[in-house]
């Protein structure tokens, strides 16, 4: 699994890139790292999550737990989250749906350009 977390130059947007086989625990750890290491850096949290290169799909139950966990984090309560997918293949469909149901501002995009336009408007 390869995961990269970085702040996009000249912005307050945190980019997360997942590649390969990303497990449930890997994804939970990334959420924790964002909340502990990146959240304090900005007045508002904006996340760009690139899932285009993810191979491993989580089970529906794992996705629901992941979405619930992400939405329950106080640090992410007011976050804007843009998820980039590959050709309309939503790897974490149930996680995204659950997070949204629990009040998280999350949206799916096909390109990074579209996602960045939306995030920069937040």
N, C-alpha and C. Protein backbone atom coordinates (compact mmCIF):
# COMPACT_ATOMS: atom_id res chain seq x y z
N UNK A 1 0.83 -1.17 0.00
CA UNK A 1 0.00 0.00 0.00
C UNK A 1 0.88 1.23 0.00
N UNK A 2 0.48 2.18 -0.81
CA UNK A 2 1.17 3.47 -0.81
C UNK A 2 0.15 4.55 -0.53
N UNK A 3 0.43 5.34 0.47
CA UNK A 3 -0.44 6.47 0.81
C UNK A 3 0.43 7.70 0.95
N UNK A 4 -0.02 8.77 0.36
CA UNK A 4 0.72 10.02 0.44
C UNK A 4 -0.23 11.08 0.97
N UNK A 5 0.21 11.80 2.00
CA UNK A 5 -0.56 12.91 2.55
C UNK A 5 0.31 14.15 2.45
N UNK A 6 -0.24 15.20 1.85
CA UNK A 6 0.52 16.44 1.68
C UNK A 6 -0.42 17.63 1.62
N UNK A 7 0.12 18.79 1.89
CA UNK A 7 -0.62 20.03 1.71
C UNK A 7 -0.28 20.54 0.32
N UNK A 8 -1.30 20.83 -0.47
CA UNK A 8 -1.07 21.34 -1.81
C UNK A 8 -0.46 22.73 -1.70
N UNK A 9 0.58 22.97 -2.47
CA UNK A 9 1.29 24.26 -2.45
C UNK A 9 0.34 25.45 -2.58
N UNK A 10 0.61 26.47 -1.79
CA UNK A 10 -0.14 27.73 -1.82
C UNK A 10 -1.64 27.55 -1.58
N UNK A 11 -1.98 26.56 -0.79
CA UNK A 11 -3.40 26.36 -0.47
C UNK A 11 -3.51 25.80 0.95
N UNK A 12 -4.71 25.66 1.39
CA UNK A 12 -4.97 25.02 2.67
C UNK A 12 -5.73 23.72 2.42
N UNK A 13 -5.39 23.05 1.33
CA UNK A 13 -6.03 21.80 0.96
C UNK A 13 -5.07 20.65 1.23
N UNK A 14 -5.57 19.65 1.93
CA UNK A 14 -4.78 18.45 2.23
C UNK A 14 -5.12 17.40 1.19
N UNK A 15 -4.10 16.95 0.47
CA UNK A 15 -4.28 15.91 -0.55
C UNK A 15 -3.87 14.56 0.03
N UNK A 16 -4.75 13.58 -0.14
CA UNK A 16 -4.46 12.20 0.25
C UNK A 16 -4.55 11.36 -1.01
N UNK A 17 -3.48 10.65 -1.32
CA UNK A 17 -3.47 9.77 -2.49
C UNK A 17 -3.29 8.34 -2.00
N UNK A 18 -4.26 7.51 -2.37
CA UNK A 18 -4.20 6.08 -2.05
C UNK A 18 -3.85 5.32 -3.33
N UNK A 19 -2.92 4.36 -3.20
CA UNK A 19 -2.56 3.52 -4.35
C UNK A 19 -2.44 2.08 -3.91
N UNK A 20 -2.85 1.17 -4.77
CA UNK A 20 -2.68 -0.25 -4.50
C UNK A 20 -3.72 -0.80 -3.53
N UNK A 21 -3.30 -1.80 -2.78
CA UNK A 21 -4.18 -2.46 -1.83
C UNK A 21 -4.18 -1.70 -0.51
N UNK A 22 -5.20 -0.92 -0.30
CA UNK A 22 -5.32 -0.10 0.91
C UNK A 22 -6.35 -0.77 1.82
N UNK A 23 -5.90 -1.23 2.97
CA UNK A 23 -6.78 -1.96 3.88
C UNK A 23 -7.66 -1.02 4.69
N UNK A 24 -8.60 -1.61 5.38
CA UNK A 24 -9.46 -0.87 6.31
C UNK A 24 -8.60 -0.13 7.34
N UNK A 25 -7.65 -0.84 7.96
CA UNK A 25 -6.79 -0.23 8.97
C UNK A 25 -5.95 0.90 8.40
N UNK A 26 -5.47 0.73 7.17
CA UNK A 26 -4.70 1.81 6.52
C UNK A 26 -5.54 3.08 6.42
N UNK A 27 -6.80 2.92 6.05
CA UNK A 27 -7.68 4.08 5.87
C UNK A 27 -8.02 4.73 7.20
N UNK A 28 -8.25 3.91 8.23
CA UNK A 28 -8.49 4.45 9.57
C UNK A 28 -7.27 5.23 10.05
N UNK A 29 -6.08 4.69 9.81
CA UNK A 29 -4.84 5.36 10.22
C UNK A 29 -4.66 6.70 9.51
N UNK A 30 -5.05 6.78 8.25
CA UNK A 30 -4.94 8.05 7.52
C UNK A 30 -5.88 9.10 8.13
N UNK A 31 -7.09 8.70 8.47
CA UNK A 31 -8.03 9.63 9.12
C UNK A 31 -7.43 10.13 10.43
N UNK A 32 -6.88 9.21 11.21
CA UNK A 32 -6.26 9.59 12.48
C UNK A 32 -5.09 10.56 12.25
N UNK A 33 -4.25 10.28 11.28
CA UNK A 33 -3.11 11.14 10.99
C UNK A 33 -3.56 12.54 10.57
N UNK A 34 -4.58 12.62 9.74
CA UNK A 34 -5.10 13.93 9.32
C UNK A 34 -5.59 14.70 10.54
N UNK A 35 -6.30 14.02 11.41
CA UNK A 35 -6.87 14.69 12.59
C UNK A 35 -5.81 15.14 13.58
N UNK A 36 -4.73 14.40 13.71
CA UNK A 36 -3.71 14.76 14.69
C UNK A 36 -2.60 15.64 14.12
N UNK A 37 -2.21 15.41 12.86
CA UNK A 37 -1.06 16.13 12.31
C UNK A 37 -1.41 17.30 11.41
N UNK A 38 -2.56 17.26 10.76
CA UNK A 38 -2.89 18.29 9.78
C UNK A 38 -4.02 19.22 10.22
N UNK A 39 -4.97 18.71 10.96
CA UNK A 39 -6.12 19.52 11.37
C UNK A 39 -5.71 20.83 12.04
N UNK A 40 -4.74 20.82 12.95
CA UNK A 40 -4.40 22.07 13.64
C UNK A 40 -3.78 23.14 12.74
N UNK A 41 -3.42 22.81 11.51
CA UNK A 41 -2.71 23.75 10.65
C UNK A 41 -3.59 24.83 10.04
N UNK A 42 -4.90 24.55 9.88
CA UNK A 42 -5.75 25.45 9.12
C UNK A 42 -7.02 25.81 9.89
N UNK A 43 -7.62 26.94 9.49
CA UNK A 43 -8.86 27.36 10.13
C UNK A 43 -10.06 26.54 9.64
N UNK A 44 -9.95 25.98 8.47
CA UNK A 44 -10.99 25.08 7.94
C UNK A 44 -10.30 23.91 7.27
N UNK A 45 -10.92 22.76 7.35
CA UNK A 45 -10.31 21.56 6.79
C UNK A 45 -10.94 21.25 5.44
N UNK A 46 -10.08 21.17 4.42
CA UNK A 46 -10.50 20.78 3.07
C UNK A 46 -9.61 19.63 2.63
N UNK A 47 -10.27 18.51 2.27
CA UNK A 47 -9.54 17.30 1.91
C UNK A 47 -9.81 16.92 0.46
N UNK A 48 -8.75 16.59 -0.25
CA UNK A 48 -8.83 16.06 -1.60
C UNK A 48 -8.33 14.62 -1.51
N UNK A 49 -9.23 13.66 -1.69
CA UNK A 49 -8.87 12.26 -1.53
C UNK A 49 -8.92 11.59 -2.90
N UNK A 50 -7.77 11.12 -3.36
CA UNK A 50 -7.64 10.50 -4.67
C UNK A 50 -7.66 8.98 -4.51
N UNK A 51 -8.73 8.35 -5.00
CA UNK A 51 -8.88 6.89 -4.88
C UNK A 51 -8.74 6.19 -6.23
N UNK A 52 -8.27 6.90 -7.24
CA UNK A 52 -8.24 6.34 -8.60
C UNK A 52 -7.36 5.11 -8.74
N UNK A 53 -6.34 4.98 -7.90
CA UNK A 53 -5.41 3.86 -8.02
C UNK A 53 -5.61 2.78 -6.96
N UNK A 54 -6.73 2.83 -6.24
CA UNK A 54 -7.00 1.84 -5.20
C UNK A 54 -7.42 0.53 -5.86
N UNK A 55 -6.82 -0.56 -5.39
CA UNK A 55 -7.15 -1.89 -5.90
C UNK A 55 -8.13 -2.60 -4.97
N UNK A 56 -7.87 -2.56 -3.69
CA UNK A 56 -8.68 -3.30 -2.72
C UNK A 56 -9.94 -2.54 -2.35
N UNK A 57 -11.07 -3.19 -2.56
CA UNK A 57 -12.35 -2.62 -2.17
C UNK A 57 -12.74 -3.20 -0.83
N UNK A 58 -13.19 -2.35 0.07
CA UNK A 58 -13.62 -2.80 1.39
C UNK A 58 -15.00 -3.44 1.29
N UNK A 59 -15.33 -4.25 2.29
CA UNK A 59 -16.67 -4.81 2.36
C UNK A 59 -17.65 -3.67 2.68
N UNK A 60 -18.94 -3.93 2.46
CA UNK A 60 -19.95 -2.92 2.77
C UNK A 60 -19.91 -2.55 4.25
N UNK A 61 -19.76 -3.54 5.12
CA UNK A 61 -19.69 -3.28 6.56
C UNK A 61 -18.49 -2.43 6.91
N UNK A 62 -17.32 -2.74 6.34
CA UNK A 62 -16.11 -1.95 6.61
C UNK A 62 -16.30 -0.50 6.15
N UNK A 63 -16.94 -0.33 4.99
CA UNK A 63 -17.17 1.02 4.47
C UNK A 63 -18.10 1.82 5.38
N UNK A 64 -19.13 1.18 5.89
CA UNK A 64 -20.07 1.87 6.78
C UNK A 64 -19.36 2.28 8.08
N UNK A 65 -18.53 1.39 8.60
CA UNK A 65 -17.75 1.72 9.80
C UNK A 65 -16.79 2.87 9.51
N UNK A 66 -16.13 2.82 8.36
CA UNK A 66 -15.19 3.87 7.98
C UNK A 66 -15.90 5.22 7.84
N UNK A 67 -17.04 5.23 7.16
CA UNK A 67 -17.80 6.47 7.00
C UNK A 67 -18.28 7.02 8.33
N UNK A 68 -18.72 6.13 9.21
CA UNK A 68 -19.18 6.54 10.54
C UNK A 68 -18.02 7.11 11.35
N UNK A 69 -16.86 6.44 11.29
CA UNK A 69 -15.68 6.91 12.01
C UNK A 69 -15.26 8.30 11.53
N UNK A 70 -15.18 8.47 10.22
CA UNK A 70 -14.76 9.77 9.66
C UNK A 70 -15.72 10.88 10.07
N UNK A 71 -17.01 10.60 9.98
CA UNK A 71 -18.01 11.62 10.31
C UNK A 71 -18.09 11.91 11.81
N UNK A 72 -17.63 10.96 12.62
CA UNK A 72 -17.71 11.15 14.08
C UNK A 72 -16.53 11.95 14.63
N UNK A 73 -15.49 12.14 13.85
CA UNK A 73 -14.33 12.88 14.33
C UNK A 73 -14.65 14.37 14.40
N UNK A 74 -14.51 14.95 15.57
CA UNK A 74 -14.79 16.37 15.77
C UNK A 74 -13.94 17.24 14.84
N UNK A 75 -12.71 16.79 14.58
CA UNK A 75 -11.80 17.56 13.73
C UNK A 75 -12.30 17.66 12.30
N UNK A 76 -13.13 16.73 11.88
CA UNK A 76 -13.62 16.70 10.50
C UNK A 76 -15.07 17.14 10.38
N UNK A 77 -15.64 17.59 11.49
CA UNK A 77 -17.07 17.95 11.53
C UNK A 77 -17.43 18.97 10.45
N UNK A 78 -16.63 19.99 10.27
CA UNK A 78 -16.92 21.05 9.30
C UNK A 78 -16.05 20.95 8.04
N UNK A 79 -15.44 19.80 7.83
CA UNK A 79 -14.55 19.62 6.68
C UNK A 79 -15.33 19.53 5.38
N UNK A 80 -14.69 19.97 4.32
CA UNK A 80 -15.18 19.74 2.96
C UNK A 80 -14.29 18.66 2.37
N UNK A 81 -14.91 17.60 1.86
CA UNK A 81 -14.15 16.44 1.39
C UNK A 81 -14.51 16.15 -0.06
N UNK A 82 -13.51 16.21 -0.94
CA UNK A 82 -13.69 15.88 -2.35
C UNK A 82 -12.99 14.55 -2.62
N UNK A 83 -13.73 13.59 -3.16
CA UNK A 83 -13.18 12.27 -3.45
C UNK A 83 -13.11 12.12 -4.97
N UNK A 84 -11.90 11.84 -5.46
CA UNK A 84 -11.72 11.63 -6.90
C UNK A 84 -11.79 10.12 -7.16
N UNK A 85 -12.63 9.75 -8.13
CA UNK A 85 -12.81 8.34 -8.45
C UNK A 85 -12.34 8.06 -9.88
N UNK A 86 -12.17 6.81 -10.20
CA UNK A 86 -11.76 6.38 -11.53
C UNK A 86 -12.98 6.01 -12.36
N UNK A 87 -13.23 6.75 -13.41
CA UNK A 87 -14.26 6.43 -14.40
C UNK A 87 -15.58 5.97 -13.79
N UNK A 88 -16.10 6.76 -12.89
CA UNK A 88 -17.39 6.48 -12.26
C UNK A 88 -17.42 5.18 -11.44
N UNK A 89 -16.26 4.70 -11.03
CA UNK A 89 -16.18 3.54 -10.15
C UNK A 89 -15.93 4.06 -8.74
N UNK A 90 -16.95 4.02 -7.91
CA UNK A 90 -16.83 4.54 -6.55
C UNK A 90 -16.37 3.40 -5.64
N UNK A 91 -15.10 3.44 -5.25
CA UNK A 91 -14.51 2.37 -4.45
C UNK A 91 -15.12 2.32 -3.05
N UNK A 92 -15.45 3.45 -2.50
CA UNK A 92 -15.98 3.53 -1.13
C UNK A 92 -17.39 4.10 -1.11
N UNK A 93 -18.23 3.60 -1.96
CA UNK A 93 -19.59 4.14 -2.10
C UNK A 93 -20.35 4.18 -0.78
N UNK A 94 -20.29 3.11 0.00
CA UNK A 94 -21.04 3.05 1.25
C UNK A 94 -20.43 3.96 2.32
N UNK A 95 -19.11 4.10 2.32
CA UNK A 95 -18.45 5.00 3.27
C UNK A 95 -18.84 6.45 2.97
N UNK A 96 -18.85 6.80 1.71
CA UNK A 96 -19.21 8.17 1.31
C UNK A 96 -20.67 8.45 1.66
N UNK A 97 -21.53 7.49 1.36
CA UNK A 97 -22.96 7.66 1.66
C UNK A 97 -23.19 7.82 3.16
N UNK A 98 -22.52 6.97 3.97
CA UNK A 98 -22.70 7.03 5.42
C UNK A 98 -22.19 8.36 5.97
N UNK A 99 -21.02 8.79 5.53
CA UNK A 99 -20.46 10.07 5.99
C UNK A 99 -21.41 11.22 5.66
N UNK A 100 -21.95 11.20 4.46
CA UNK A 100 -22.88 12.23 4.04
C UNK A 100 -24.15 12.21 4.88
N UNK A 101 -24.68 11.02 5.13
CA UNK A 101 -25.89 10.89 5.96
C UNK A 101 -25.66 11.45 7.37
N UNK A 102 -24.43 11.34 7.85
CA UNK A 102 -24.10 11.81 9.19
C UNK A 102 -23.67 13.28 9.20
N UNK A 103 -23.84 13.96 8.06
CA UNK A 103 -23.63 15.40 8.02
C UNK A 103 -22.32 15.89 7.44
N UNK A 104 -21.47 15.00 6.98
CA UNK A 104 -20.20 15.44 6.41
C UNK A 104 -20.43 16.01 5.01
N UNK A 105 -19.74 17.08 4.69
CA UNK A 105 -19.82 17.72 3.38
C UNK A 105 -18.85 17.00 2.45
N UNK A 106 -19.34 16.00 1.74
CA UNK A 106 -18.49 15.14 0.91
C UNK A 106 -19.10 15.01 -0.47
N UNK A 107 -18.24 15.08 -1.49
CA UNK A 107 -18.72 15.03 -2.87
C UNK A 107 -17.72 14.24 -3.72
N UNK A 108 -18.23 13.55 -4.74
CA UNK A 108 -17.42 12.71 -5.61
C UNK A 108 -17.19 13.41 -6.95
N UNK A 109 -15.95 13.28 -7.47
CA UNK A 109 -15.57 13.91 -8.73
C UNK A 109 -14.81 12.92 -9.60
N UNK A 110 -14.83 13.17 -10.91
CA UNK A 110 -14.08 12.34 -11.85
C UNK A 110 -12.70 12.89 -12.16
N UNK A 111 -12.49 14.19 -11.89
CA UNK A 111 -11.19 14.78 -12.17
C UNK A 111 -10.72 15.62 -10.98
N UNK A 112 -9.42 15.74 -10.87
CA UNK A 112 -8.84 16.57 -9.81
C UNK A 112 -9.19 18.04 -10.02
N UNK A 113 -9.23 18.46 -11.26
CA UNK A 113 -9.55 19.86 -11.56
C UNK A 113 -10.93 20.22 -11.01
N UNK A 114 -11.94 19.38 -11.27
CA UNK A 114 -13.29 19.64 -10.77
C UNK A 114 -13.31 19.67 -9.24
N UNK A 115 -12.60 18.73 -8.65
CA UNK A 115 -12.56 18.64 -7.18
C UNK A 115 -11.93 19.89 -6.58
N UNK A 116 -10.85 20.35 -7.17
CA UNK A 116 -10.16 21.55 -6.65
C UNK A 116 -11.02 22.81 -6.81
N UNK A 117 -11.74 22.91 -7.91
CA UNK A 117 -12.64 24.07 -8.09
C UNK A 117 -13.67 24.08 -6.96
N UNK A 118 -14.26 22.93 -6.69
CA UNK A 118 -15.26 22.84 -5.62
C UNK A 118 -14.65 23.16 -4.25
N UNK A 119 -13.48 22.59 -3.96
CA UNK A 119 -12.83 22.82 -2.67
C UNK A 119 -12.43 24.28 -2.50
N UNK A 120 -11.92 24.88 -3.55
CA UNK A 120 -11.49 26.28 -3.45
C UNK A 120 -12.67 27.23 -3.26
N UNK A 121 -13.86 26.79 -3.62
CA UNK A 121 -15.06 27.61 -3.40
C UNK A 121 -15.58 27.48 -1.98
N UNK A 122 -15.05 26.54 -1.21
CA UNK A 122 -15.50 26.29 0.17
C UNK A 122 -14.81 27.21 1.13
